[in-house]
């Protein structure tokens, strides 16, 4: 059972809006990878969380892991570039990100993958978004979080220092450069009380 959000933590009285992207803070990770972080980019995050939690056609998937099939520990939904996004503010966010990163990325963000982490038992293991062009090309993945904070961890492939960011409350993180092929990221499980979180991942065409 997912824990309910406390609306008072998220400023429910205000409108749902996006702030300017001029306050993004970039951190160089090494190996050609970097991240941009902007806390609280989206205001009214609790309202968006409620809409997405209730209206997105979430799917519980199962995947083969070695010699057995296991349940994916989170709910998923994918919107390809032809699909209407589940809320207009997400279309606005995708357009704003495409405009801001046009010179660096050289193409727009097109798809949106949504993940619903219901509590601390839901997670995603160490990985890079390298099933497509991210395996061989520099690209970007932009993540908007709504709901309770969860730790996003990043580490170099092959081992090294782990960086951790508590994402929630309308926060934005953008992973760029070689990040998807030279670094890995994860949402670890936690035994601490954790409320539900939804992440929205915007990607260019051919990046998964």
Protein backbone atom coordinates (compact mmCIF):
# COMPACT_ATOMS: atom_id res chain seq x y z
CA UNK A 1 0.00 0.00 0.00
CA UNK A 2 1.43 3.38 -1.00
CA UNK A 3 1.68 5.99 1.72
CA UNK A 4 -0.41 9.14 1.17
CA UNK A 5 1.33 12.45 0.60
CA UNK A 6 0.91 15.29 3.06
CA UNK A 7 -0.29 18.12 0.84
CA UNK A 8 0.98 20.80 3.25
CA UNK A 9 4.53 19.85 2.31
CA UNK A 10 4.03 20.78 -1.33
CA UNK A 11 2.15 24.09 -1.40
CA UNK A 12 -1.21 22.89 -2.72
CA UNK A 13 -2.81 26.35 -2.71
CA UNK A 14 -0.70 27.74 -5.55
CA UNK A 15 -1.03 27.18 -9.30
CA UNK A 16 0.85 24.45 -11.14
CA UNK A 17 3.72 26.31 -12.84
CA UNK A 18 7.27 25.84 -14.10
CA UNK A 19 10.05 28.14 -12.99
CA UNK A 20 12.87 29.51 -15.16
CA UNK A 21 15.65 27.14 -16.17
CA UNK A 22 18.32 29.80 -15.73
CA UNK A 23 18.96 28.62 -12.15
CA UNK A 24 20.09 25.11 -13.14
CA UNK A 25 23.32 24.10 -11.36
CA UNK A 26 25.73 21.93 -13.36
CA UNK A 27 28.09 19.39 -11.82
CA UNK A 28 30.81 17.79 -13.93
CA UNK A 29 30.98 14.09 -13.08
CA UNK A 30 33.97 13.12 -15.22
CA UNK A 31 34.43 10.86 -18.25
CA UNK A 32 32.47 13.40 -20.30
CA UNK A 33 29.37 13.15 -18.08
CA UNK A 34 27.53 15.91 -16.24
CA UNK A 35 24.27 16.61 -14.43
CA UNK A 36 22.14 19.73 -14.06
CA UNK A 37 19.94 20.05 -10.95
CA UNK A 38 17.12 22.50 -10.22
CA UNK A 39 15.18 21.96 -6.98
CA UNK A 40 11.50 22.91 -7.04
CA UNK A 41 11.28 23.63 -10.77
CA UNK A 42 7.60 22.60 -10.75
CA UNK A 43 5.28 24.18 -8.19
CA UNK A 44 1.99 22.48 -7.36
CA UNK A 45 3.76 19.10 -7.46
CA UNK A 46 1.24 17.42 -5.15
CA UNK A 47 -1.60 18.23 -7.53
CA UNK A 48 0.28 16.70 -10.44
CA UNK A 49 1.15 13.66 -8.34
CA UNK A 50 -2.53 13.10 -7.53
CA UNK A 51 -3.55 13.38 -11.18
CA UNK A 52 -0.84 11.05 -12.42
CA UNK A 53 -1.39 8.48 -9.66
CA UNK A 54 -5.11 8.31 -10.42
CA UNK A 55 -5.27 8.73 -14.21
CA UNK A 56 -2.13 7.19 -15.75
CA UNK A 57 -2.73 3.59 -16.95
CA UNK A 58 0.01 2.14 -14.77
CA UNK A 59 1.36 -1.29 -15.64
CA UNK A 60 2.90 -3.88 -13.33
CA UNK A 61 5.49 -5.66 -15.47
CA UNK A 62 7.44 -8.88 -15.09
CA UNK A 63 10.91 -9.46 -16.54
CA UNK A 64 13.30 -12.35 -16.84
CA UNK A 65 16.26 -12.13 -14.48
CA UNK A 66 18.75 -14.89 -15.16
CA UNK A 67 16.81 -18.15 -14.71
CA UNK A 68 13.50 -16.78 -13.41
CA UNK A 69 10.82 -14.19 -14.09
CA UNK A 70 10.37 -11.55 -11.40
CA UNK A 71 8.01 -8.62 -10.80
CA UNK A 72 9.43 -5.20 -11.65
CA UNK A 73 9.50 -3.32 -8.30
CA UNK A 74 7.66 -0.20 -9.53
CA UNK A 75 4.75 0.67 -11.82
CA UNK A 76 5.46 1.89 -15.35
CA UNK A 77 3.90 3.75 -18.25
CA UNK A 78 5.57 4.90 -21.48
CA UNK A 79 4.38 7.68 -23.82
CA UNK A 80 5.98 7.65 -27.25
CA UNK A 81 6.31 10.81 -29.31
CA UNK A 82 2.88 10.36 -30.92
CA UNK A 83 1.02 9.98 -27.62
CA UNK A 84 -0.60 12.84 -25.72
CA UNK A 85 1.00 13.28 -22.31
CA UNK A 86 -1.25 12.75 -19.27
CA UNK A 87 -1.20 16.41 -18.17
CA UNK A 88 -0.60 19.68 -20.10
CA UNK A 89 2.12 20.79 -17.65
CA UNK A 90 4.24 17.83 -18.81
CA UNK A 91 3.97 18.97 -22.42
CA UNK A 92 5.00 22.44 -21.26
CA UNK A 93 7.95 20.95 -19.36
CA UNK A 94 9.11 18.94 -22.38
CA UNK A 95 8.91 22.00 -24.62
CA UNK A 96 10.76 24.19 -22.11
CA UNK A 97 13.54 21.61 -21.78
CA UNK A 98 13.79 21.18 -25.54
CA UNK A 99 14.14 24.93 -25.99
CA UNK A 100 16.67 25.37 -23.18
CA UNK A 101 18.93 22.53 -24.34
CA UNK A 102 18.47 23.02 -28.11
CA UNK A 103 22.05 24.18 -28.74
CA UNK A 104 23.65 21.42 -26.62
CA UNK A 105 21.37 18.52 -27.44
CA UNK A 106 20.69 19.39 -31.07
CA UNK A 107 17.24 17.77 -31.04
CA UNK A 108 14.06 17.94 -28.95
CA UNK A 109 12.98 15.68 -26.13
CA UNK A 110 10.25 13.48 -27.58
CA UNK A 111 9.20 10.61 -25.29
CA UNK A 112 8.18 10.37 -21.64
CA UNK A 113 8.62 7.36 -19.38
CA UNK A 114 6.82 7.41 -16.03
CA UNK A 115 7.76 5.36 -12.96
CA UNK A 116 5.63 5.08 -9.82
CA UNK A 117 7.58 4.18 -6.67
CA UNK A 118 4.85 3.31 -4.22
CA UNK A 119 7.01 2.98 -1.09
CA UNK A 120 10.57 2.19 -0.02
CA UNK A 121 10.35 -1.36 -1.38
CA UNK A 122 10.02 -0.08 -4.94
CA UNK A 123 13.31 0.62 -6.68
CA UNK A 124 15.36 0.49 -9.86
CA UNK A 125 18.74 -1.25 -10.00
CA UNK A 126 21.99 0.25 -11.28
CA UNK A 127 21.75 0.92 -15.01
CA UNK A 128 22.28 3.42 -17.82
CA UNK A 129 19.64 4.37 -20.39
CA UNK A 130 21.69 2.70 -23.10
CA UNK A 131 19.27 0.41 -24.91
CA UNK A 132 19.31 2.81 -27.88
CA UNK A 133 21.60 5.60 -29.03
CA UNK A 134 22.74 6.29 -25.48
CA UNK A 135 25.05 3.28 -25.75
CA UNK A 136 27.24 4.98 -28.36
CA UNK A 137 26.31 8.68 -28.41
CA UNK A 138 26.19 11.59 -25.99
CA UNK A 139 22.59 12.40 -25.13
CA UNK A 140 20.38 13.74 -22.34
CA UNK A 141 17.71 12.34 -20.02
CA UNK A 142 15.69 14.90 -18.04
CA UNK A 143 13.80 13.72 -14.94
CA UNK A 144 11.04 15.63 -13.17
CA UNK A 145 10.03 14.24 -9.77
CA UNK A 146 6.74 14.67 -7.94
CA UNK A 147 5.88 13.21 -4.57
CA UNK A 148 8.00 12.27 -1.59
CA UNK A 149 11.79 12.51 -1.96
CA UNK A 150 13.78 9.41 -2.87
CA UNK A 151 17.52 9.05 -3.32
CA UNK A 152 18.81 9.01 -6.89
CA UNK A 153 22.31 7.52 -6.80
CA UNK A 154 24.95 7.88 -9.53
CA UNK A 155 28.31 6.13 -9.80
CA UNK A 156 30.94 5.58 -12.52
CA UNK A 157 30.65 2.34 -14.45
CA UNK A 158 33.18 -0.08 -13.02
CA UNK A 159 33.11 1.48 -9.56
CA UNK A 160 33.96 4.72 -7.85
CA UNK A 161 32.45 7.39 -5.63
CA UNK A 162 28.64 7.42 -5.46
CA UNK A 163 26.75 10.71 -5.67
CA UNK A 164 23.27 10.91 -4.11
CA UNK A 165 20.44 13.36 -4.71
CA UNK A 166 17.13 13.40 -2.82
CA UNK A 167 14.62 14.12 -5.60
CA UNK A 168 10.98 15.03 -5.05
CA UNK A 169 8.72 18.09 -4.65
CA UNK A 170 8.94 19.14 -8.33
CA UNK A 171 12.73 18.78 -8.60
CA UNK A 172 14.49 18.50 -11.96
CA UNK A 173 17.69 16.62 -12.78
CA UNK A 174 19.20 16.35 -16.27
CA UNK A 175 21.87 13.75 -17.03
CA UNK A 176 23.94 14.75 -20.03
CA UNK A 177 27.05 14.14 -22.07
CA UNK A 178 28.31 10.57 -21.80
CA UNK A 179 26.37 9.93 -18.57
CA UNK A 180 24.25 7.04 -19.88
CA UNK A 181 27.23 5.00 -21.07
CA UNK A 182 30.00 5.98 -18.61
CA UNK A 183 27.92 6.26 -15.41
CA UNK A 184 25.07 4.30 -13.83
CA UNK A 185 22.11 5.50 -11.80
CA UNK A 186 19.66 3.80 -9.42
CA UNK A 187 16.82 4.37 -6.97
CA UNK A 188 17.84 2.08 -4.09
CA UNK A 189 15.38 0.33 -1.83
CA UNK A 190 15.10 1.76 1.68
CA UNK A 191 13.90 0.37 4.99
CA UNK A 192 13.02 3.88 6.15
CA UNK A 193 9.46 5.13 5.83
CA UNK A 194 9.13 6.48 2.30
CA UNK A 195 6.08 8.05 0.72
CA UNK A 196 5.15 7.54 -2.92
CA UNK A 197 7.06 9.25 -5.73
CA UNK A 198 6.49 9.51 -9.47
CA UNK A 199 9.34 10.32 -11.85
CA UNK A 200 8.85 11.55 -15.41
CA UNK A 201 11.80 10.91 -17.73
CA UNK A 202 11.99 12.92 -20.94
CA UNK A 203 14.26 11.48 -23.64
CA UNK A 204 15.12 12.21 -27.29
CA UNK A 205 14.08 9.81 -30.02
CA UNK A 206 15.87 6.45 -29.90
CA UNK A 207 17.06 6.73 -26.28
CA UNK A 208 15.69 4.24 -23.72
